[in-house]
Amino acid sequence: MSKHADVVIPAFSDSIDDVRISNWLKNEGDDVTFGEPVVELEVNKAAVEVEAPADGILEAIYCWEGEEVIEGERVGVIILTAADGDEEEEFDFADSEKYDI
């Protein structure tokens, strides 16, 4: 089962009434790094970048350029990639020595 992290629209002040996706900075299938901007929002005529919440691959985009979005809405999903040494490796018993116990 793959682990994932959602790309979510952050909370803005109550005076913000218009939030739209203006530009995806990454495409589906692209590698992303924690803290790297992945999508640009237009918030009351100003540009705001949303950063990747984790290292991984941008697997899916759910909302596209020009779409209005709301606080907390999931607009994309990142499949997490394991850091070096964190991956579980299968042990190959064919090359191991046999011991009688």
PDB file of N, CA and C in Angstrom:
ATOM      1  N   MET A   1       0.852  -1.178   0.000  1.00  0.00           N
ATOM      2  CA  MET A   1       0.000   0.000   0.000  1.00  0.00           C
ATOM      3  C   MET A   1       0.893   1.236   0.000  1.00  0.00           C
ATOM      4  N   SER A   2       0.674   2.104  -0.933  1.00  0.00           N
ATOM      5  CA  SER A   2       1.482   3.320  -1.054  1.00  0.00           C
ATOM      6  C   SER A   2       1.044   4.346  -0.033  1.00  0.00           C
ATOM      7  N   LYS A   3       2.022   5.072   0.483  1.00  0.00           N
ATOM      8  CA  LYS A   3       1.720   6.182   1.366  1.00  0.00           C
ATOM      9  C   LYS A   3       1.635   7.434   0.520  1.00  0.00           C
ATOM     10  N   HIS A   4       0.811   8.376   0.954  1.00  0.00           N
ATOM     11  CA  HIS A   4       0.647   9.594   0.170  1.00  0.00           C
ATOM     12  C   HIS A   4       0.495  10.818   1.069  1.00  0.00           C
ATOM     13  N   ALA A   5       0.652  11.979   0.466  1.00  0.00           N
ATOM     14  CA  ALA A   5       0.421  13.261   1.130  1.00  0.00           C
ATOM     15  C   ALA A   5      -0.438  14.102   0.197  1.00  0.00           C
ATOM     16  N   ASP A   6      -1.417  14.765   0.764  1.00  0.00           N
ATOM     17  CA  ASP A   6      -2.321  15.587  -0.031  1.00  0.00           C
ATOM     18  C   ASP A   6      -1.777  17.005  -0.191  1.00  0.00           C
ATOM     19  N   VAL A   7      -1.989  17.570  -1.372  1.00  0.00           N
ATOM     20  CA  VAL A   7      -1.725  18.988  -1.610  1.00  0.00           C
ATOM     21  C   VAL A   7      -3.054  19.680  -1.329  1.00  0.00           C
ATOM     22  N   VAL A   8      -3.064  20.525  -0.288  1.00  0.00           N
ATOM     23  CA  VAL A   8      -4.311  21.095   0.225  1.00  0.00           C
ATOM     24  C   VAL A   8      -4.254  22.621   0.180  1.00  0.00           C
ATOM     25  N   ILE A   9      -5.395  23.225  -0.108  1.00  0.00           N
ATOM     26  CA  ILE A   9      -5.498  24.690  -0.105  1.00  0.00           C
ATOM     27  C   ILE A   9      -5.415  25.179   1.343  1.00  0.00           C
ATOM     28  N   PRO A  10      -4.470  26.077   1.630  1.00  0.00           N
ATOM     29  CA  PRO A  10      -4.312  26.563   3.002  1.00  0.00           C
ATOM     30  C   PRO A  10      -5.439  27.521   3.403  1.00  0.00           C
ATOM     31  N   ALA A  11      -5.503  27.788   4.697  1.00  0.00           N
ATOM     32  CA  ALA A  11      -6.485  28.742   5.216  1.00  0.00           C
ATOM     33  C   ALA A  11      -5.977  30.163   4.982  1.00  0.00           C
ATOM     34  N   PHE A  12      -6.879  31.031   4.593  1.00  0.00           N
ATOM     35  CA  PHE A  12      -6.584  32.445   4.426  1.00  0.00           C
ATOM     36  C   PHE A  12      -7.493  33.228   5.362  1.00  0.00           C
ATOM     37  N   SER A  13      -7.307  34.527   5.447  1.00  0.00           N
ATOM     38  CA  SER A  13      -8.140  35.345   6.333  1.00  0.00           C
ATOM     39  C   SER A  13      -9.591  35.350   5.843  1.00  0.00           C
ATOM     40  N   ASP A  14     -10.477  35.753   6.725  1.00  0.00           N
ATOM     41  CA  ASP A  14     -11.906  35.802   6.392  1.00  0.00           C
ATOM     42  C   ASP A  14     -12.220  36.792   5.281  1.00  0.00           C
ATOM     43  N   SER A  15     -11.323  37.755   5.058  1.00  0.00           N
ATOM     44  CA  SER A  15     -11.574  38.760   4.022  1.00  0.00           C
ATOM     45  C   SER A  15     -11.279  38.233   2.615  1.00  0.00           C
ATOM     46  N   ILE A  16     -10.696  37.042   2.522  1.00  0.00           N
ATOM     47  CA  ILE A  16     -10.394  36.431   1.220  1.00  0.00           C
ATOM     48  C   ILE A  16     -11.646  35.720   0.724  1.00  0.00           C
ATOM     49  N   ASP A  17     -12.109  36.127  -0.439  1.00  0.00           N
ATOM     50  CA  ASP A  17     -13.331  35.519  -0.958  1.00  0.00           C
ATOM     51  C   ASP A  17     -13.158  34.846  -2.316  1.00  0.00           C
ATOM     52  N   ASP A  18     -12.007  35.012  -2.948  1.00  0.00           N
ATOM     53  CA  ASP A  18     -11.817  34.444  -4.280  1.00  0.00           C
ATOM     54  C   ASP A  18     -10.441  33.789  -4.365  1.00  0.00           C
ATOM     55  N   VAL A  19     -10.424  32.453  -4.398  1.00  0.00           N
ATOM     56  CA  VAL A  19      -9.179  31.701  -4.516  1.00  0.00           C
ATOM     57  C   VAL A  19      -9.314  30.792  -5.743  1.00  0.00           C
ATOM     58  N   ARG A  20      -8.392  30.961  -6.677  1.00  0.00           N
ATOM     59  CA  ARG A  20      -8.394  30.160  -7.908  1.00  0.00           C
ATOM     60  C   ARG A  20      -7.007  29.599  -8.160  1.00  0.00           C
ATOM     61  N   ILE A  21      -6.976  28.461  -8.824  1.00  0.00           N
ATOM     62  CA  ILE A  21      -5.688  27.910  -9.259  1.00  0.00           C
ATOM     63  C   ILE A  21      -5.283  28.685 -10.499  1.00  0.00           C
ATOM     64  N   SER A  22      -4.105  29.297 -10.446  1.00  0.00           N
ATOM     65  CA  SER A  22      -3.648  30.047 -11.614  1.00  0.00           C
ATOM     66  C   SER A  22      -2.664  29.237 -12.449  1.00  0.00           C
ATOM     67  N   ASN A  23      -1.854  28.365 -11.795  1.00  0.00           N
ATOM     68  CA  ASN A  23      -0.843  27.639 -12.565  1.00  0.00           C
ATOM     69  C   ASN A  23      -0.279  26.484 -11.741  1.00  0.00           C
ATOM     70  N   TRP A  24      -0.243  25.310 -12.340  1.00  0.00           N
ATOM     71  CA  TRP A  24       0.483  24.197 -11.729  1.00  0.00           C
ATOM     72  C   TRP A  24       1.937  24.330 -12.136  1.00  0.00           C
ATOM     73  N   LEU A  25       2.837  24.318 -11.166  1.00  0.00           N
ATOM     74  CA  LEU A  25       4.264  24.444 -11.417  1.00  0.00           C
ATOM     75  C   LEU A  25       4.912  23.088 -11.677  1.00  0.00           C
ATOM     76  N   LYS A  26       4.184  22.023 -11.363  1.00  0.00           N
ATOM     77  CA  LYS A  26       4.614  20.650 -11.618  1.00  0.00           C
ATOM     78  C   LYS A  26       3.496  19.931 -12.357  1.00  0.00           C
ATOM     79  N   ASN A  27       3.875  18.900 -13.104  1.00  0.00           N
ATOM     80  CA  ASN A  27       2.899  18.084 -13.826  1.00  0.00           C
ATOM     81  C   ASN A  27       2.755  16.734 -13.148  1.00  0.00           C
ATOM     82  N   GLU A  28       1.660  16.042 -13.447  1.00  0.00           N
ATOM     83  CA  GLU A  28       1.502  14.681 -12.935  1.00  0.00           C
ATOM     84  C   GLU A  28       2.701  13.841 -13.363  1.00  0.00           C
ATOM     85  N   GLY A  29       3.262  13.086 -12.424  1.00  0.00           N
ATOM     86  CA  GLY A  29       4.417  12.240 -12.703  1.00  0.00           C
ATOM     87  C   GLY A  29       5.751  12.889 -12.375  1.00  0.00           C
ATOM     88  N   ASP A  30       5.749  14.198 -12.095  1.00  0.00           N
ATOM     89  CA  ASP A  30       6.992  14.902 -11.756  1.00  0.00           C
ATOM     90  C   ASP A  30       7.416  14.606 -10.321  1.00  0.00           C
ATOM     91  N   ASP A  31       8.730  14.546 -10.102  1.00  0.00           N
ATOM     92  CA  ASP A  31       9.278  14.458  -8.753  1.00  0.00           C
ATOM     93  C   ASP A  31       9.109  15.803  -8.071  1.00  0.00           C
ATOM     94  N   VAL A  32       8.770  15.764  -6.775  1.00  0.00           N
ATOM     95  CA  VAL A  32       8.665  16.983  -5.985  1.00  0.00           C
ATOM     96  C   VAL A  32       9.456  16.800  -4.693  1.00  0.00           C
ATOM     97  N   THR A  33       9.902  17.910  -4.145  1.00  0.00           N
ATOM     98  CA  THR A  33      10.667  17.918  -2.914  1.00  0.00           C
ATOM     99  C   THR A  33       9.911  18.714  -1.864  1.00  0.00           C
ATOM    100  N   PHE A  34       9.969  18.269  -0.620  1.00  0.00           N
ATOM    101  CA  PHE A  34       9.319  18.972   0.472  1.00  0.00           C
ATOM    102  C   PHE A  34       9.669  20.459   0.438  1.00  0.00           C
ATOM    103  N   GLY A  35       8.653  21.309   0.505  1.00  0.00           N
ATOM    104  CA  GLY A  35       8.857  22.751   0.519  1.00  0.00           C
ATOM    105  C   GLY A  35       8.950  23.404  -0.845  1.00  0.00           C
ATOM    106  N   GLU A  36       9.016  22.594  -1.883  1.00  0.00           N
ATOM    107  CA  GLU A  36       9.100  23.130  -3.248  1.00  0.00           C
ATOM    108  C   GLU A  36       7.703  23.574  -3.705  1.00  0.00           C
ATOM    109  N   PRO A  37       7.580  24.765  -4.304  1.00  0.00           N
ATOM    110  CA  PRO A  37       6.274  25.194  -4.807  1.00  0.00           C
ATOM    111  C   PRO A  37       5.765  24.244  -5.900  1.00  0.00           C
ATOM    112  N   VAL A  38       4.497  23.835  -5.772  1.00  0.00           N
ATOM    113  CA  VAL A  38       3.918  22.932  -6.766  1.00  0.00           C
ATOM    114  C   VAL A  38       2.725  23.538  -7.506  1.00  0.00           C
ATOM    115  N   VAL A  39       2.051  24.480  -6.864  1.00  0.00           N
ATOM    116  CA  VAL A  39       0.893  25.107  -7.505  1.00  0.00           C
ATOM    117  C   VAL A  39       0.823  26.568  -7.065  1.00  0.00           C
ATOM    118  N   GLU A  40       0.400  27.408  -8.002  1.00  0.00           N
ATOM    119  CA  GLU A  40       0.266  28.840  -7.725  1.00  0.00           C
ATOM    120  C   GLU A  40      -1.219  29.187  -7.702  1.00  0.00           C
ATOM    121  N   LEU A  41      -1.612  29.911  -6.668  1.00  0.00           N
ATOM    122  CA  LEU A  41      -3.000  30.334  -6.516  1.00  0.00           C
ATOM    123  C   LEU A  41      -3.115  31.826  -6.771  1.00  0.00           C
ATOM    124  N   GLU A  42      -4.274  32.234  -7.241  1.00  0.00           N
ATOM    125  CA  GLU A  42      -4.604  33.661  -7.328  1.00  0.00           C
ATOM    126  C   GLU A  42      -5.570  33.932  -6.185  1.00  0.00           C
ATOM    127  N   VAL A  43      -5.114  34.764  -5.245  1.00  0.00           N
ATOM    128  CA  VAL A  43      -5.903  35.069  -4.059  1.00  0.00           C
ATOM    129  C   VAL A  43      -6.154  36.565  -4.032  1.00  0.00           C
ATOM    130  N   ASN A  44      -7.395  36.954  -4.296  1.00  0.00           N
ATOM    131  CA  ASN A  44      -7.745  38.390  -4.373  1.00  0.00           C
ATOM    132  C   ASN A  44      -6.749  39.158  -5.228  1.00  0.00           C
ATOM    133  N   LYS A  45      -6.460  38.632  -6.399  1.00  0.00           N
ATOM    134  CA  LYS A  45      -5.584  39.243  -7.413  1.00  0.00           C
ATOM    135  C   LYS A  45      -4.094  39.203  -7.061  1.00  0.00           C
ATOM    136  N   ALA A  46      -3.717  38.476  -6.013  1.00  0.00           N
ATOM    137  CA  ALA A  46      -2.308  38.302  -5.660  1.00  0.00           C
ATOM    138  C   ALA A  46      -1.925  36.829  -5.860  1.00  0.00           C
ATOM    139  N   ALA A  47      -0.657  36.580  -6.178  1.00  0.00           N
ATOM    140  CA  ALA A  47      -0.181  35.209  -6.384  1.00  0.00           C
ATOM    141  C   ALA A  47       0.362  34.639  -5.075  1.00  0.00           C
ATOM    142  N   VAL A  48      -0.041  33.400  -4.775  1.00  0.00           N
ATOM    143  CA  VAL A  48       0.414  32.684  -3.589  1.00  0.00           C
ATOM    144  C   VAL A  48       0.790  31.273  -4.025  1.00  0.00           C
ATOM    145  N   GLU A  49       1.978  30.802  -3.601  1.00  0.00           N
ATOM    146  CA  GLU A  49       2.416  29.454  -3.950  1.00  0.00           C
ATOM    147  C   GLU A  49       2.104  28.482  -2.825  1.00  0.00           C
ATOM    148  N   VAL A  50       1.697  27.275  -3.207  1.00  0.00           N
ATOM    149  CA  VAL A  50       1.485  26.192  -2.250  1.00  0.00           C
ATOM    150  C   VAL A  50       2.642  25.221  -2.421  1.00  0.00           C
ATOM    151  N   GLU A  51       3.277  24.881  -1.302  1.00  0.00           N
ATOM    152  CA  GLU A  51       4.464  24.033  -1.347  1.00  0.00           C
ATOM    153  C   GLU A  51       4.102  22.561  -1.166  1.00  0.00           C
ATOM    154  N   ALA A  52       4.996  21.700  -1.651  1.00  0.00           N
ATOM    155  CA  ALA A  52       4.822  20.254  -1.488  1.00  0.00           C
ATOM    156  C   ALA A  52       4.944  19.901  -0.012  1.00  0.00           C
ATOM    157  N   PRO A  53       4.013  19.096   0.515  1.00  0.00           N
ATOM    158  CA  PRO A  53       4.071  18.719   1.923  1.00  0.00           C
ATOM    159  C   PRO A  53       5.056  17.588   2.213  1.00  0.00           C
ATOM    160  N   ALA A  54       5.642  16.996   1.149  1.00  0.00           N
ATOM    161  CA  ALA A  54       6.557  15.870   1.330  1.00  0.00           C
ATOM    162  C   ALA A  54       7.333  15.615   0.047  1.00  0.00           C
ATOM    163  N   ASP A  55       8.388  14.818   0.153  1.00  0.00           N
ATOM    164  CA  ASP A  55       9.121  14.356  -1.032  1.00  0.00           C
ATOM    165  C   ASP A  55       8.317  13.248  -1.694  1.00  0.00           C
ATOM    166  N   GLY A  56       8.305  13.240  -3.014  1.00  0.00           N
ATOM    167  CA  GLY A  56       7.610  12.170  -3.703  1.00  0.00           C
ATOM    168  C   GLY A  56       7.372  12.481  -5.163  1.00  0.00           C
ATOM    169  N   ILE A  57       6.308  11.896  -5.681  1.00  0.00           N
ATOM    170  CA  ILE A  57       5.915  12.070  -7.079  1.00  0.00           C
ATOM    171  C   ILE A  57       4.489  12.601  -7.098  1.00  0.00           C
ATOM    172  N   LEU A  58       4.282  13.694  -7.830  1.00  0.00           N
ATOM    173  CA  LEU A  58       2.932  14.242  -7.966  1.00  0.00           C
ATOM    174  C   LEU A  58       2.129  13.260  -8.811  1.00  0.00           C
ATOM    175  N   GLU A  59       1.321  12.462  -8.137  1.00  0.00           N
ATOM    176  CA  GLU A  59       0.610  11.398  -8.841  1.00  0.00           C
ATOM    177  C   GLU A  59      -0.653  11.887  -9.541  1.00  0.00           C
ATOM    178  N   ALA A  60      -1.387  12.790  -8.889  1.00  0.00           N
ATOM    179  CA  ALA A  60      -2.662  13.218  -9.481  1.00  0.00           C
ATOM    180  C   ALA A  60      -2.942  14.684  -9.161  1.00  0.00           C
ATOM    181  N   ILE A  61      -3.577  15.341 -10.114  1.00  0.00           N
ATOM    182  CA  ILE A  61      -4.061  16.713  -9.957  1.00  0.00           C
ATOM    183  C   ILE A  61      -5.574  16.652 -10.068  1.00  0.00           C
ATOM    184  N   TYR A  62      -6.274  17.224  -9.072  1.00  0.00           N
ATOM    185  CA  TYR A  62      -7.731  17.148  -9.040  1.00  0.00           C
ATOM    186  C   TYR A  62      -8.425  18.430  -9.477  1.00  0.00           C
ATOM    187  N   CYS A  63      -7.739  19.565  -9.404  1.00  0.00           N
ATOM    188  CA  CYS A  63      -8.322  20.846  -9.801  1.00  0.00           C
ATOM    189  C   CYS A  63      -7.356  21.522 -10.762  1.00  0.00           C
ATOM    190  N   TRP A  64      -7.886  22.166 -11.775  1.00  0.00           N
ATOM    191  CA  TRP A  64      -7.055  22.712 -12.850  1.00  0.00           C
ATOM    192  C   TRP A  64      -7.060  24.221 -12.877  1.00  0.00           C
ATOM    193  N   GLU A  65      -6.190  24.786 -13.716  1.00  0.00           N
ATOM    194  CA  GLU A  65      -6.068  26.229 -13.855  1.00  0.00           C
ATOM    195  C   GLU A  65      -7.434  26.865 -14.108  1.00  0.00           C
ATOM    196  N   GLY A  66      -7.683  27.949 -13.394  1.00  0.00           N
ATOM    197  CA  GLY A  66      -8.938  28.678 -13.553  1.00  0.00           C
ATOM    198  C   GLY A  66     -10.044  28.225 -12.620  1.00  0.00           C
ATOM    199  N   GLU A  67      -9.899  27.070 -11.990  1.00  0.00           N
ATOM    200  CA  GLU A  67     -10.944  26.579 -11.093  1.00  0.00           C
ATOM    201  C   GLU A  67     -10.889  27.288  -9.750  1.00  0.00           C
ATOM    202  N   GLU A  68     -12.064  27.616  -9.225  1.00  0.00           N
ATOM    203  CA  GLU A  68     -12.154  28.192  -7.888  1.00  0.00           C
ATOM    204  C   GLU A  68     -12.045  27.062  -6.873  1.00  0.00           C
ATOM    205  N   VAL A  69     -11.290  27.300  -5.807  1.00  0.00           N
ATOM    206  CA  VAL A  69     -11.080  26.288  -4.768  1.00  0.00           C
ATOM    207  C   VAL A  69     -11.366  26.904  -3.401  1.00  0.00           C
ATOM    208  N   ILE A  70     -11.534  26.038  -2.406  1.00  0.00           N
ATOM    209  CA  ILE A  70     -11.832  26.507  -1.051  1.00  0.00           C
ATOM    210  C   ILE A  70     -10.795  25.979  -0.063  1.00  0.00           C
ATOM    211  N   GLU A  71     -10.727  26.621   1.086  1.00  0.00           N
ATOM    212  CA  GLU A  71      -9.816  26.228   2.155  1.00  0.00           C
ATOM    213  C   GLU A  71     -10.006  24.754   2.506  1.00  0.00           C
ATOM    214  N   GLY A  72      -8.901  24.036   2.598  1.00  0.00           N
ATOM    215  CA  GLY A  72      -8.942  22.622   2.972  1.00  0.00           C
ATOM    216  C   GLY A  72      -9.199  21.665   1.827  1.00  0.00           C
ATOM    217  N   GLU A  73      -9.458  22.189   0.638  1.00  0.00           N
ATOM    218  CA  GLU A  73      -9.739  21.320  -0.504  1.00  0.00           C
ATOM    219  C   GLU A  73      -8.462  20.623  -0.976  1.00  0.00           C
ATOM    220  N   ARG A  74      -8.571  19.326  -1.237  1.00  0.00           N
ATOM    221  CA  ARG A  74      -7.442  18.560  -1.767  1.00  0.00           C
ATOM    222  C   ARG A  74      -7.399  18.777  -3.275  1.00  0.00           C
ATOM    223  N   VAL A  75      -6.293  19.356  -3.750  1.00  0.00           N
ATOM    224  CA  VAL A  75      -6.171  19.661  -5.178  1.00  0.00           C
ATOM    225  C   VAL A  75      -5.194  18.739  -5.887  1.00  0.00           C
ATOM    226  N   GLY A  76      -4.440  17.964  -5.114  1.00  0.00           N
ATOM    227  CA  GLY A  76      -3.481  17.031  -5.694  1.00  0.00           C
ATOM    228  C   GLY A  76      -3.033  16.028  -4.657  1.00  0.00           C
ATOM    229  N   VAL A  77      -2.335  14.991  -5.133  1.00  0.00           N
ATOM    230  CA  VAL A  77      -1.821  13.979  -4.213  1.00  0.00           C
ATOM    231  C   VAL A  77      -0.402  13.598  -4.627  1.00  0.00           C
ATOM    232  N   ILE A  78       0.459  13.446  -3.622  1.00  0.00           N
ATOM    233  CA  ILE A  78       1.854  13.065  -3.821  1.00  0.00           C
ATOM    234  C   ILE A  78       2.060  11.673  -3.238  1.00  0.00           C
ATOM    235  N   ILE A  79       2.607  10.781  -4.051  1.00  0.00           N
ATOM    236  CA  ILE A  79       2.989   9.468  -3.550  1.00  0.00           C
ATOM    237  C   ILE A  79       4.373   9.616  -2.947  1.00  0.00           C
ATOM    238  N   LEU A  80       4.518   9.232  -1.693  1.00  0.00           N
ATOM    239  CA  LEU A  80       5.773   9.422  -0.985  1.00  0.00           C
ATOM    240  C   LEU A  80       6.837   8.472  -1.494  1.00  0.00           C
ATOM    241  N   THR A  81       8.058   8.979  -1.553  1.00  0.00           N
ATOM    242  CA  THR A  81       9.199   8.136  -1.894  1.00  0.00           C
ATOM    243  C   THR A  81      10.010   7.942  -0.631  1.00  0.00           C
ATOM    244  N   ALA A  82      10.494   6.726  -0.438  1.00  0.00           N
ATOM    245  CA  ALA A  82      11.273   6.411   0.759  1.00  0.00           C
ATOM    246  C   ALA A  82      12.652   7.036   0.661  1.00  0.00           C
ATOM    247  N   ALA A  83      13.147   7.497   1.796  1.00  0.00           N
ATOM    248  CA  ALA A  83      14.510   8.028   1.841  1.00  0.00           C
ATOM    249  C   ALA A  83      15.486   6.863   1.747  1.00  0.00           C
ATOM    250  N   ASP A  84      16.708   7.137   1.309  1.00  0.00           N
ATOM    251  CA  ASP A  84      17.712   6.085   1.206  1.00  0.00           C
ATOM    252  C   ASP A  84      17.841   5.366   2.531  1.00  0.00           C
ATOM    253  N   GLY A  85      17.832   4.046   2.452  1.00  0.00           N
ATOM    254  CA  GLY A  85      17.988   3.230   3.642  1.00  0.00           C
ATOM    255  C   GLY A  85      16.680   2.929   4.347  1.00  0.00           C
ATOM    256  N   ASP A  86      15.601   3.610   3.969  1.00  0.00           N
ATOM    257  CA  ASP A  86      14.317   3.365   4.602  1.00  0.00           C
ATOM    258  C   ASP A  86      13.499   2.289   3.893  1.00  0.00           C
ATOM    259  N   GLU A  87      13.909   1.935   2.702  1.00  0.00           N
ATOM    260  CA  GLU A  87      13.165   0.947   1.946  1.00  0.00           C
ATOM    261  C   GLU A  87      13.415  -0.442   2.512  1.00  0.00           C
ATOM    262  N   GLU A  88      12.342  -1.216   2.589  1.00  0.00           N
ATOM    263  CA  GLU A  88      12.494  -2.590   3.029  1.00  0.00           C
ATOM    264  C   GLU A  88      13.000  -3.409   1.853  1.00  0.00           C
ATOM    265  N   GLU A  89      14.039  -4.199   2.110  1.00  0.00           N
ATOM    266  CA  GLU A  89      14.588  -5.046   1.065  1.00  0.00           C
ATOM    267  C   GLU A  89      14.219  -6.483   1.350  1.00  0.00           C
ATOM    268  N   GLU A  90      13.875  -7.218   0.300  1.00  0.00           N
ATOM    269  CA  GLU A  90      13.610  -8.636   0.464  1.00  0.00           C
ATOM    270  C   GLU A  90      14.929  -9.375   0.527  1.00  0.00           C
ATOM    271  N   PHE A  91      14.997 -10.328   1.432  1.00  0.00           N
ATOM    272  CA  PHE A  91      16.211 -11.113   1.582  1.00  0.00           C
ATOM    273  C   PHE A  91      16.136 -12.300   0.635  1.00  0.00           C
ATOM    274  N   ASP A  92      17.192 -12.523  -0.133  1.00  0.00           N
ATOM    275  CA  ASP A  92      17.252 -13.640  -1.072  1.00  0.00           C
ATOM    276  C   ASP A  92      17.905 -14.827  -0.367  1.00  0.00           C
ATOM    277  N   PHE A  93      17.084 -15.810   0.002  1.00  0.00           N
ATOM    278  CA  PHE A  93      17.582 -16.976   0.727  1.00  0.00           C
ATOM    279  C   PHE A  93      18.373 -17.927  -0.153  1.00  0.00           C
ATOM    280  N   ALA A  94      18.295 -17.778  -1.463  1.00  0.00           N
ATOM    281  CA  ALA A  94      18.990 -18.692  -2.379  1.00  0.00           C
ATOM    282  C   ALA A  94      20.502 -18.594  -2.204  1.00  0.00           C
ATOM    283  N   ASP A  95      21.028 -17.437  -1.860  1.00  0.00           N
ATOM    284  CA  ASP A  95      22.472 -17.258  -1.705  1.00  0.00           C
ATOM    285  C   ASP A  95      22.960 -17.462  -0.265  1.00  0.00           C
ATOM    286  N   SER A  96      22.062 -17.737   0.634  1.00  0.00           N
ATOM    287  CA  SER A  96      22.472 -17.884   2.038  1.00  0.00           C
ATOM    288  C   SER A  96      22.917 -19.319   2.323  1.00  0.00           C
ATOM    289  N   GLU A  97      23.716 -19.455   3.367  1.00  0.00           N
ATOM    290  CA  GLU A  97      24.171 -20.798   3.758  1.00  0.00           C
ATOM    291  C   GLU A  97      23.095 -21.492   4.549  1.00  0.00           C
ATOM    292  N   LYS A  98      23.072 -22.804   4.448  1.00  0.00           N
ATOM    293  CA  LYS A  98      22.108 -23.597   5.211  1.00  0.00           C
ATOM    294  C   LYS A  98      22.753 -24.039   6.520  1.00  0.00           C
ATOM    295  N   TYR A  99      21.993 -23.979   7.585  1.00  0.00           N
ATOM    296  CA  TYR A  99      22.476 -24.394   8.896  1.00  0.00           C
ATOM    297  C   TYR A  99      21.488 -25.415   9.452  1.00  0.00           C
ATOM    298  N   ASP A 100      21.991 -26.457  10.010  1.00  0.00           N
ATOM    299  CA  ASP A 100      21.150 -27.428  10.707  1.00  0.00           C
ATOM    300  C   ASP A 100      21.132 -27.044  12.176  1.00  0.00           C
ATOM    301  N   ILE A 101      19.948 -26.870  12.670  1.00  0.00           N
ATOM    302  CA  ILE A 101      19.835 -26.475  14.078  1.00  0.00           C
ATOM    303  C   ILE A 101      19.160 -27.572  14.858  1.00  0.00           C
TER     304      ILE A 101
END
